[in-house]
Amino acid sequence: MMSTPDMARCLQCCQGGVRMAPANPTILIPEPERPPEELPPGTQIDRYEVLGLLGQGGIARVYRVRHRKLGTIHALKVLAIDRPSVQERAIQEGRVQAALRHPNVVAVTDIITHQGVPVLVLEYVAGPSLEQLLGAQRLPLDEVDPLVRGILDGVAHAHAQGVVHRDLKPGNILLEVVERTLVPRVTDFGIAKLLAPSSHAIRTQAGTVMGTPAYMSPEQLIDSSKVDARADVWALGVLMYEMCTGRTPFDPGDANVHKQIATGRYLDPRTWVPELPDRMVRAIHGALRPDRSERITDAAALLTVWSDGERRVHPELGASCSATTLATAYAHRPQLIRSPDAPQQTPISTLRSRPWWPMDPRGRPSTLMWILAVIPALLTLILLAISVLVGLSL
C-alpha cells in the first residue's frame, strides 16, 4: 500500500483546500520485483489442472482450471506479488467473497496454496466484462435497465453484509452469457472494507487512497479508510451514467477532473440521451451528490430509486439482449492466452458459417455428401414406382 508520506507527496491542493489523488487510474500496491513464472497448461495445483491463462495484471494472474475429479471448470486467481500484506488481502478477499452468496456476485469456492502463496478458486463466468461490452457498443436503455438492477441487487447484498467494495467499475462487473440473456456478476473484492468489527479484517491505514480514481467518490480520493457504503453508491452513479450515455460523467484525462468530482460538476445525462426516464435521472443525480450526507445511502436505496419502487422477484435474471449485443458479448468471451505454437481454437463465427456436410479440399461438397444425398432420392423413386405398380395390378 502507498504510505501516508508517499501519498502526501503526490496529493495536490485543489479548490477549498481539498487534497486529491492523481487523475490516472492507479492500483496502490507495489509492483512485484520480478513476475512469477507463468503456469503452463497441465500444471496441477491441489485438486485442479490448469487449462490455460485467461488474463493477468500487476496483482495476479487468472487461469482457467478443471477440477480433476469433478470435471467442473473454475477460475484460479494466483498472486503475482509475494508479500505478506498482499497475501493477507487475498485471504480476506476470499473470505468476503465466499460469504456473499448471491446470483449477481461471483462466488469464491475455495482458498488453496501454491508454493506457500494463497490462491483463490472462483466461479468461472463465461462472458465478457462490462468494460469490454461498453467499449464495443452503446447499449439500448431496455438492456441497460435490467443490467443495472442486477448490479445494484448484488452490491446491495454486499452492503447488507457490512461489505463496502471500494472498487466498483465496469472491469469488475462480469457478464455471464446464459442463452439470450446477460447476467451481471460483481467480482474482485480485493480492497473491500468490512464495516463490522472482525478478527480477520485488515485495517486500511489512515490517509491511504485505494481504488480507481475515475469511479472514486470525493471522500475516497482523500482517505479510503473512512468510507462507507455511500462511496460504492457514488461509483454506481458513475457506472449508471456511463451505461446510459456511453461516456463517463468525469473525464479522467481532464486536468481538472478532481475539482469536477469534488464539486459534483458534470453534464446532465439527458444532454446525451434526451429520452432518459425520470427515475434513471433521479438515481444518477442522487448517487453523484458530492456531499455524502446528501447522497443516497446504499445500493438497496439506490435500486429503489432506479426502479421507482417497482419490486422484481428475480432481478438477477439479467437482460434479454438483442442479437447485436449477444454477438458482441460472444466475441468478447474469455479466451485462453495461448503460446504461438499452441493449437488454435476455431472462432464461433467460423463454426456458424461452416457447413455441416463434408467438403473436399477445394471447398466443394465431397463425394460422400453426394452419395448421402442421392441414396434417399433413389429409395423414394423406387418406393413410388412400387406403389404405382401395385395400384395398376389392383
Protein backbone atom coordinates (compact mmCIF):
# COMPACT_ATOMS: atom_id res chain seq x y z
CA MET A 1 0.00 0.00 0.00
CA MET A 2 1.11 3.58 -0.54
CA SER A 3 2.13 5.05 2.78
CA THR A 4 0.82 8.35 4.14
CA PRO A 5 4.10 10.24 3.45
CA ASP A 6 4.21 8.90 -0.13
CA MET A 7 0.61 9.89 -0.63
CA ALA A 8 1.27 13.35 0.76
CA ARG A 9 3.92 13.90 -1.89
CA CYS A 10 1.56 13.06 -4.76
CA LEU A 11 -1.59 14.76 -3.47
CA GLN A 12 -2.31 18.18 -4.90
CA CYS A 13 -4.23 21.03 -3.30
CA CYS A 14 -7.49 21.88 -5.05
CA GLN A 15 -10.21 24.43 -4.57
CA GLY A 16 -11.23 24.81 -0.94
CA GLY A 17 -8.07 23.13 0.30
CA VAL A 18 -9.32 19.62 -0.52
CA ARG A 19 -6.47 17.21 -1.23
CA MET A 20 -6.84 14.97 -4.27
CA ALA A 21 -5.06 11.94 -5.68
CA PRO A 22 -3.54 11.69 -9.18
CA ALA A 23 -6.01 11.52 -12.08
CA ASN A 24 -4.62 8.44 -13.81
CA PRO A 25 -6.08 5.06 -12.78
CA THR A 26 -3.95 3.64 -10.01
CA ILE A 27 -3.51 0.40 -8.16
CA LEU A 28 -1.88 1.47 -4.93
CA ILE A 29 0.06 -1.73 -4.32
CA PRO A 30 3.75 -2.00 -5.27
CA GLU A 31 4.59 -3.93 -8.42
CA PRO A 32 6.43 -7.24 -7.95
CA GLU A 33 10.20 -7.09 -8.21
CA ARG A 34 10.07 -9.90 -10.73
CA PRO A 35 6.91 -11.57 -12.07
CA PRO A 36 6.47 -15.23 -11.16
CA GLU A 37 6.69 -17.85 -13.87
CA GLU A 38 3.51 -18.48 -15.83
CA LEU A 39 1.86 -21.83 -15.12
CA PRO A 40 1.74 -23.91 -18.33
CA PRO A 41 -1.34 -25.96 -19.27
CA GLY A 42 -1.36 -29.30 -17.49
CA THR A 43 0.10 -27.92 -14.26
CA GLN A 44 -1.64 -29.47 -11.24
CA ILE A 45 -2.38 -27.24 -8.26
CA ASP A 46 -4.03 -29.14 -5.46
CA ARG A 47 -7.24 -30.63 -6.94
CA TYR A 48 -7.13 -28.51 -10.10
CA GLU A 49 -5.48 -28.81 -13.51
CA VAL A 50 -4.50 -25.64 -15.35
CA LEU A 51 -6.11 -25.37 -18.80
CA GLY A 52 -4.61 -22.02 -19.73
CA LEU A 53 -4.10 -18.37 -18.88
CA LEU A 54 -7.16 -16.11 -19.02
CA GLY A 55 -5.57 -12.78 -18.09
CA GLN A 56 -3.00 -11.06 -15.93
CA GLY A 57 -2.29 -7.78 -14.16
CA GLY A 58 0.11 -6.30 -11.68
CA ILE A 59 -1.51 -8.14 -8.79
CA ALA A 60 -2.36 -11.61 -10.07
CA ARG A 61 -2.75 -13.98 -12.97
CA VAL A 62 -6.08 -15.68 -13.61
CA TYR A 63 -6.21 -19.17 -15.10
CA ARG A 64 -8.99 -21.39 -16.31
CA VAL A 65 -8.76 -24.71 -14.48
CA ARG A 66 -10.61 -28.00 -14.26
CA HIS A 67 -11.36 -29.87 -11.04
CA ARG A 68 -9.52 -33.16 -11.54
CA LYS A 69 -12.24 -35.35 -10.03
CA LEU A 70 -15.47 -33.45 -10.67
CA GLY A 71 -14.55 -32.11 -14.10
CA THR A 72 -16.01 -28.68 -13.26
CA ILE A 73 -14.46 -25.50 -14.68
CA HIS A 74 -13.26 -22.72 -12.39
CA ALA A 75 -11.12 -19.58 -12.44
CA LEU A 76 -7.93 -19.61 -10.41
CA LYS A 77 -6.50 -16.31 -9.15
CA VAL A 78 -2.78 -16.72 -8.44
CA LEU A 79 -0.96 -13.80 -6.78
CA ALA A 80 1.93 -12.20 -8.63
CA ILE A 81 3.28 -10.46 -5.51
CA ASP A 82 4.91 -12.47 -2.74
CA ARG A 83 4.41 -10.01 0.13
CA PRO A 84 2.64 -10.74 3.43
CA SER A 85 0.34 -7.68 3.21
CA VAL A 86 -0.85 -8.66 -0.27
CA GLN A 87 -1.35 -12.27 0.80
CA GLU A 88 -3.42 -11.14 3.77
CA ARG A 89 -5.66 -9.09 1.49
CA ALA A 90 -6.08 -12.07 -0.83
CA ILE A 91 -7.23 -14.22 2.07
CA GLN A 92 -9.66 -11.51 3.17
CA GLU A 93 -10.94 -11.20 -0.41
CA GLY A 94 -11.61 -14.93 -0.43
CA ARG A 95 -13.42 -14.88 2.91
CA VAL A 96 -15.51 -11.85 2.00
CA GLN A 97 -16.49 -13.06 -1.46
CA ALA A 98 -17.18 -16.60 -0.27
CA ALA A 99 -19.68 -15.26 2.26
CA LEU A 100 -21.60 -13.30 -0.40
CA ARG A 101 -23.88 -15.96 -1.82
CA HIS A 102 -25.90 -14.11 -4.43
CA PRO A 103 -26.66 -14.72 -8.14
CA ASN A 104 -25.15 -11.34 -9.04
CA VAL A 105 -21.87 -11.88 -7.18
CA VAL A 106 -19.05 -14.14 -8.38
CA ALA A 107 -18.52 -16.73 -5.66
CA VAL A 108 -15.17 -17.78 -4.23
CA THR A 109 -15.46 -21.52 -3.69
CA ASP A 110 -12.10 -22.30 -2.10
CA ILE A 111 -8.73 -20.98 -0.96
CA ILE A 112 -5.75 -23.22 -1.60
CA THR A 113 -2.00 -22.64 -1.54
CA HIS A 114 0.63 -22.89 -4.27
CA GLN A 115 4.28 -22.66 -3.26
CA GLY A 116 3.19 -21.14 0.03
CA VAL A 117 1.07 -18.41 -1.59
CA PRO A 118 -2.74 -18.27 -1.19
CA VAL A 119 -4.70 -18.98 -4.37
CA LEU A 120 -8.41 -18.16 -4.84
CA VAL A 121 -10.75 -20.57 -6.61
CA LEU A 122 -13.69 -18.71 -8.15
CA GLU A 123 -16.73 -19.45 -10.24
CA TYR A 124 -15.87 -19.36 -13.93
CA VAL A 125 -18.00 -16.76 -15.73
CA ALA A 126 -18.43 -17.50 -19.43
CA GLY A 127 -18.78 -13.96 -20.68
CA PRO A 128 -17.08 -10.58 -21.11
CA SER A 129 -16.62 -7.78 -18.62
CA LEU A 130 -18.96 -4.81 -18.73
CA GLU A 131 -15.93 -2.73 -19.68
CA GLN A 132 -15.41 -4.82 -22.82
CA LEU A 133 -19.07 -4.60 -23.77
CA LEU A 134 -19.29 -0.82 -23.25
CA GLY A 135 -16.07 -0.36 -25.20
CA ALA A 136 -17.55 -2.20 -28.17
CA GLN A 137 -21.02 -0.66 -28.42
CA ARG A 138 -23.62 1.60 -26.88
CA LEU A 139 -26.31 -0.36 -25.03
CA PRO A 140 -30.01 0.40 -25.61
CA LEU A 141 -31.86 1.53 -22.48
CA ASP A 142 -34.10 -1.54 -22.41
CA GLU A 143 -30.94 -3.62 -21.91
CA VAL A 144 -29.27 -1.16 -19.53
CA ASP A 145 -32.26 -1.20 -17.16
CA PRO A 146 -32.19 -4.90 -16.11
CA LEU A 147 -28.39 -4.98 -16.10
CA VAL A 148 -28.28 -2.08 -13.65
CA ARG A 149 -30.93 -3.73 -11.47
CA GLY A 150 -28.86 -6.88 -11.26
CA ILE A 151 -25.66 -4.99 -10.42
CA LEU A 152 -27.44 -2.96 -7.73
CA ASP A 153 -29.01 -6.08 -6.25
CA GLY A 154 -25.62 -7.79 -5.99
CA VAL A 155 -23.97 -4.76 -4.36
CA ALA A 156 -27.00 -4.32 -2.06
CA HIS A 157 -26.40 -7.87 -0.83
CA ALA A 158 -22.78 -6.97 -0.03
CA HIS A 159 -23.86 -3.81 1.79
CA ALA A 160 -26.37 -5.81 3.83
CA GLN A 161 -23.47 -8.00 4.97
CA GLY A 162 -21.42 -4.96 6.00
CA VAL A 163 -19.07 -5.05 3.00
CA VAL A 164 -18.04 -1.97 1.00
CA HIS A 165 -16.47 -2.92 -2.34
CA ARG A 166 -14.41 0.30 -2.84
CA ASP A 167 -13.50 -0.50 -6.47
CA LEU A 168 -16.75 -0.79 -8.44
CA LYS A 169 -16.13 -0.16 -12.14
CA PRO A 170 -17.04 -1.81 -15.47
CA GLY A 171 -13.92 -4.00 -15.37
CA ASN A 172 -15.13 -5.58 -12.11
CA ILE A 173 -18.56 -6.50 -13.49
CA LEU A 174 -18.60 -9.74 -15.45
CA LEU A 175 -21.48 -10.63 -17.78
CA GLU A 176 -22.42 -14.28 -17.86
CA VAL A 177 -23.93 -15.34 -21.19
CA VAL A 178 -26.94 -17.57 -20.49
CA GLU A 179 -28.77 -18.36 -23.72
CA ARG A 180 -30.08 -14.94 -24.89
CA THR A 181 -29.50 -13.27 -21.52
CA LEU A 182 -26.61 -11.41 -19.91
CA VAL A 183 -26.41 -11.81 -16.14
CA PRO A 184 -24.20 -9.23 -14.36
CA ARG A 185 -21.82 -10.63 -11.73
CA VAL A 186 -19.88 -8.36 -9.35
CA THR A 187 -16.34 -9.53 -8.66
CA ASP A 188 -12.91 -8.51 -7.27
CA PHE A 189 -13.43 -7.63 -3.61
CA GLY A 190 -9.66 -7.31 -3.20
CA ILE A 191 -9.77 -3.91 -1.47
CA ALA A 192 -13.19 -4.31 0.15
CA LYS A 193 -13.77 -2.79 3.57
CA LEU A 194 -15.59 -4.62 6.37
CA LEU A 195 -17.79 -2.21 8.31
CA ALA A 196 -18.44 -4.60 11.19
CA PRO A 197 -15.56 -5.50 13.56
CA SER A 198 -13.90 -8.76 12.54
CA SER A 199 -10.95 -10.75 13.80
CA HIS A 200 -9.60 -11.18 10.27
CA ALA A 201 -10.43 -7.72 8.89
CA ILE A 202 -7.47 -5.75 7.54
CA ARG A 203 -7.41 -2.13 8.64
CA THR A 204 -6.64 0.42 5.95
CA GLN A 205 -4.03 2.94 7.10
CA ALA A 206 -5.45 6.45 7.57
CA GLY A 207 -4.68 8.68 4.60
CA THR A 208 -4.33 5.78 2.16
CA VAL A 209 -6.10 6.17 -1.19
CA MET A 210 -7.34 2.97 -2.84
CA GLY A 211 -9.45 2.37 -5.92
CA THR A 212 -9.79 3.65 -9.47
CA PRO A 213 -9.92 7.49 -9.47
CA ALA A 214 -12.48 7.89 -12.27
CA TYR A 215 -15.02 5.99 -10.12
CA MET A 216 -13.95 7.21 -6.67
CA SER A 217 -16.09 9.49 -4.55
CA PRO A 218 -14.71 12.81 -3.27
CA GLU A 219 -14.18 11.38 0.21
CA GLN A 220 -12.46 8.27 -1.14
CA LEU A 221 -9.98 10.41 -3.08
CA ILE A 222 -8.90 11.90 0.26
CA ASP A 223 -8.93 8.91 2.63
CA SER A 224 -10.17 5.43 1.66
CA SER A 225 -10.04 4.24 5.25
CA LYS A 226 -13.08 6.29 6.27
CA VAL A 227 -15.54 5.44 3.52
CA ASP A 228 -18.85 3.61 3.89
CA ALA A 229 -21.50 2.26 1.50
CA ARG A 230 -22.04 5.73 0.08
CA ALA A 231 -18.64 5.52 -1.67
CA ASP A 232 -19.96 2.50 -3.58
CA VAL A 233 -23.15 4.44 -4.37
CA TRP A 234 -21.04 7.16 -5.99
CA ALA A 235 -19.18 4.58 -8.10
CA LEU A 236 -22.51 3.05 -9.10
CA GLY A 237 -23.71 6.51 -10.12
CA VAL A 238 -20.71 6.88 -12.42
CA LEU A 239 -21.35 3.38 -13.74
CA MET A 240 -25.06 4.06 -14.41
CA TYR A 241 -24.24 7.34 -16.17
CA GLU A 242 -21.72 5.52 -18.38
CA MET A 243 -24.11 2.68 -19.20
CA CYS A 244 -26.91 5.11 -20.11
CA THR A 245 -24.90 7.63 -22.12
CA GLY A 246 -21.84 5.76 -23.38
CA ARG A 247 -19.45 8.16 -21.58
CA THR A 248 -18.29 8.85 -18.04
CA PRO A 249 -19.51 11.97 -16.21
CA PHE A 250 -15.96 12.91 -15.26
CA ASP A 251 -13.18 12.75 -17.85
CA PRO A 252 -10.12 11.10 -16.24
CA GLY A 253 -7.94 12.77 -18.87
CA ASP A 254 -9.04 16.27 -17.81
CA ALA A 255 -6.53 18.10 -15.60
CA ASN A 256 -9.44 19.47 -13.55
CA VAL A 257 -11.18 16.14 -13.07
CA HIS A 258 -10.63 16.18 -9.29
CA LYS A 259 -12.25 19.57 -8.97
CA GLN A 260 -15.19 18.30 -11.02
CA ILE A 261 -15.56 15.30 -8.74
CA ALA A 262 -15.16 17.36 -5.56
CA THR A 263 -17.92 19.76 -6.65
CA GLY A 264 -20.10 17.21 -8.44
CA ARG A 265 -19.96 19.15 -11.71
CA TYR A 266 -20.97 17.08 -14.74
CA LEU A 267 -23.28 17.37 -17.72
CA ASP A 268 -26.84 16.18 -17.16
CA PRO A 269 -27.21 12.67 -18.68
CA ARG A 270 -30.13 13.94 -20.77
CA THR A 271 -27.62 16.08 -22.65
CA TRP A 272 -26.64 12.87 -24.39
CA VAL A 273 -29.87 10.85 -24.02
CA PRO A 274 -32.91 13.17 -24.01
CA GLU A 275 -35.32 10.25 -23.67
CA LEU A 276 -33.75 9.00 -20.42
CA PRO A 277 -36.60 8.20 -17.98
CA ASP A 278 -37.07 10.41 -14.91
CA ARG A 279 -36.40 7.54 -12.48
CA MET A 280 -32.97 6.85 -14.03
CA VAL A 281 -32.06 10.55 -13.94
CA ARG A 282 -33.10 10.79 -10.27
CA ALA A 283 -30.99 7.76 -9.40
CA ILE A 284 -27.90 9.13 -11.15
CA HIS A 285 -28.24 12.58 -9.59
CA GLY A 286 -28.92 11.08 -6.17
CA ALA A 287 -25.81 8.89 -6.38
CA LEU A 288 -23.49 11.67 -7.57
CA ARG A 289 -24.00 14.11 -4.72
CA PRO A 290 -20.52 15.32 -3.70
CA ASP A 291 -21.67 15.79 -0.10
CA ARG A 292 -22.20 12.23 1.07
CA SER A 293 -24.69 13.35 3.74
CA GLU A 294 -26.99 14.24 0.82
CA ARG A 295 -26.19 11.12 -1.21
CA ILE A 296 -28.38 8.03 -1.47
CA THR A 297 -27.29 5.85 1.44
CA ASP A 298 -26.69 2.40 -0.04
CA ALA A 299 -27.24 0.17 -3.07
CA ALA A 300 -30.64 -1.08 -1.87
CA ALA A 301 -31.95 2.50 -1.62
CA LEU A 302 -30.42 3.28 -5.00
CA LEU A 303 -32.20 0.27 -6.52
CA THR A 304 -35.50 1.57 -5.13
CA VAL A 305 -34.96 4.95 -6.81
CA TRP A 306 -33.76 3.42 -10.08
CA SER A 307 -36.75 1.07 -10.29
CA ASP A 308 -39.17 3.75 -9.00
CA GLY A 309 -40.21 1.41 -6.21
CA GLU A 310 -41.11 -1.41 -8.59
CA ARG A 311 -40.37 -4.75 -6.99
CA ARG A 312 -38.91 -7.51 -9.10
CA VAL A 313 -38.96 -11.12 -7.98
CA HIS A 314 -35.77 -12.08 -9.78
CA PRO A 315 -33.61 -9.04 -10.61
CA GLU A 316 -30.67 -11.37 -11.04
CA LEU A 317 -32.13 -12.90 -14.21
CA GLY A 318 -30.29 -10.26 -16.21
CA ALA A 319 -31.10 -8.63 -19.52
CA SER A 320 -32.65 -10.25 -22.56
CA CYS A 321 -30.43 -8.83 -25.26
CA SER A 322 -30.57 -8.09 -28.96
CA ALA A 323 -28.67 -10.17 -31.47
CA THR A 324 -26.13 -7.35 -31.81
CA THR A 325 -25.39 -7.23 -28.08
CA LEU A 326 -25.19 -11.02 -27.83
CA ALA A 327 -22.81 -11.16 -30.79
CA THR A 328 -20.60 -8.56 -29.09
CA ALA A 329 -20.72 -10.50 -25.81
CA TYR A 330 -19.80 -13.76 -27.55
CA ALA A 331 -16.93 -12.04 -29.37
CA HIS A 332 -15.50 -10.90 -26.02
CA ARG A 333 -15.96 -14.10 -24.06
CA PRO A 334 -12.90 -15.23 -22.06
CA GLN A 335 -10.28 -16.82 -24.29
CA LEU A 336 -7.19 -18.65 -23.18
CA ILE A 337 -3.96 -16.78 -23.90
CA ARG A 338 -2.01 -19.34 -25.90
CA SER A 339 1.61 -19.56 -26.93
CA PRO A 340 2.34 -19.18 -30.69
CA ASP A 341 2.90 -22.90 -31.20
CA ALA A 342 -0.30 -23.95 -29.40
CA PRO A 343 -3.22 -25.30 -31.45
CA GLN A 344 -5.68 -22.56 -32.34
CA GLN A 345 -9.33 -22.60 -31.35
CA THR A 346 -11.97 -22.22 -34.04
CA PRO A 347 -13.85 -18.92 -33.71
CA ILE A 348 -17.60 -19.17 -33.13
CA SER A 349 -18.26 -17.09 -36.26
CA THR A 350 -16.34 -19.63 -38.35
CA LEU A 351 -18.27 -22.50 -36.84
CA ARG A 352 -21.55 -20.79 -37.63
CA SER A 353 -20.59 -20.18 -41.26
CA ARG A 354 -19.11 -23.63 -41.83
CA PRO A 355 -21.48 -26.14 -43.46
CA TRP A 356 -22.21 -29.33 -41.58
CA TRP A 357 -21.70 -31.56 -44.61
CA PRO A 358 -18.31 -32.97 -45.73
CA MET A 359 -16.27 -30.72 -48.07
CA ASP A 360 -13.39 -31.51 -50.43
CA PRO A 361 -10.11 -29.52 -50.30
CA ARG A 362 -11.45 -27.02 -52.86
CA GLY A 363 -14.43 -26.18 -50.64
CA ARG A 364 -16.98 -28.17 -52.70
CA PRO A 365 -19.27 -30.88 -51.33
CA SER A 366 -17.37 -34.19 -51.20
CA THR A 367 -18.29 -37.45 -52.96
CA LEU A 368 -19.61 -38.80 -49.65
CA MET A 369 -22.00 -35.86 -49.43
CA TRP A 370 -23.36 -36.61 -52.93
CA ILE A 371 -23.84 -40.30 -52.09
CA LEU A 372 -25.70 -39.41 -48.88
CA ALA A 373 -27.91 -37.02 -50.83
CA VAL A 374 -28.63 -39.34 -53.82
CA ILE A 375 -29.43 -42.59 -51.95
CA PRO A 376 -32.57 -41.25 -50.20
CA ALA A 377 -33.80 -39.84 -53.51
CA LEU A 378 -33.34 -43.23 -55.29
CA LEU A 379 -35.11 -45.06 -52.49
CA THR A 380 -38.01 -42.63 -52.74
CA LEU A 381 -38.30 -43.21 -56.51
CA ILE A 382 -38.21 -46.99 -56.06
CA LEU A 383 -40.93 -46.91 -53.43
CA LEU A 384 -43.03 -44.63 -55.62
CA ALA A 385 -42.64 -47.00 -58.59
CA ILE A 386 -43.63 -50.00 -56.48
CA SER A 387 -46.73 -48.22 -55.21
CA VAL A 388 -47.72 -47.32 -58.80
CA LEU A 389 -47.29 -50.92 -59.97
CA VAL A 390 -49.32 -52.22 -57.05
CA GLY A 391 -52.06 -49.73 -57.85
CA LEU A 392 -52.17 -50.82 -61.51
CA SER A 393 -52.34 -54.52 -60.57
CA LEU A 394 -55.40 -53.80 -58.42
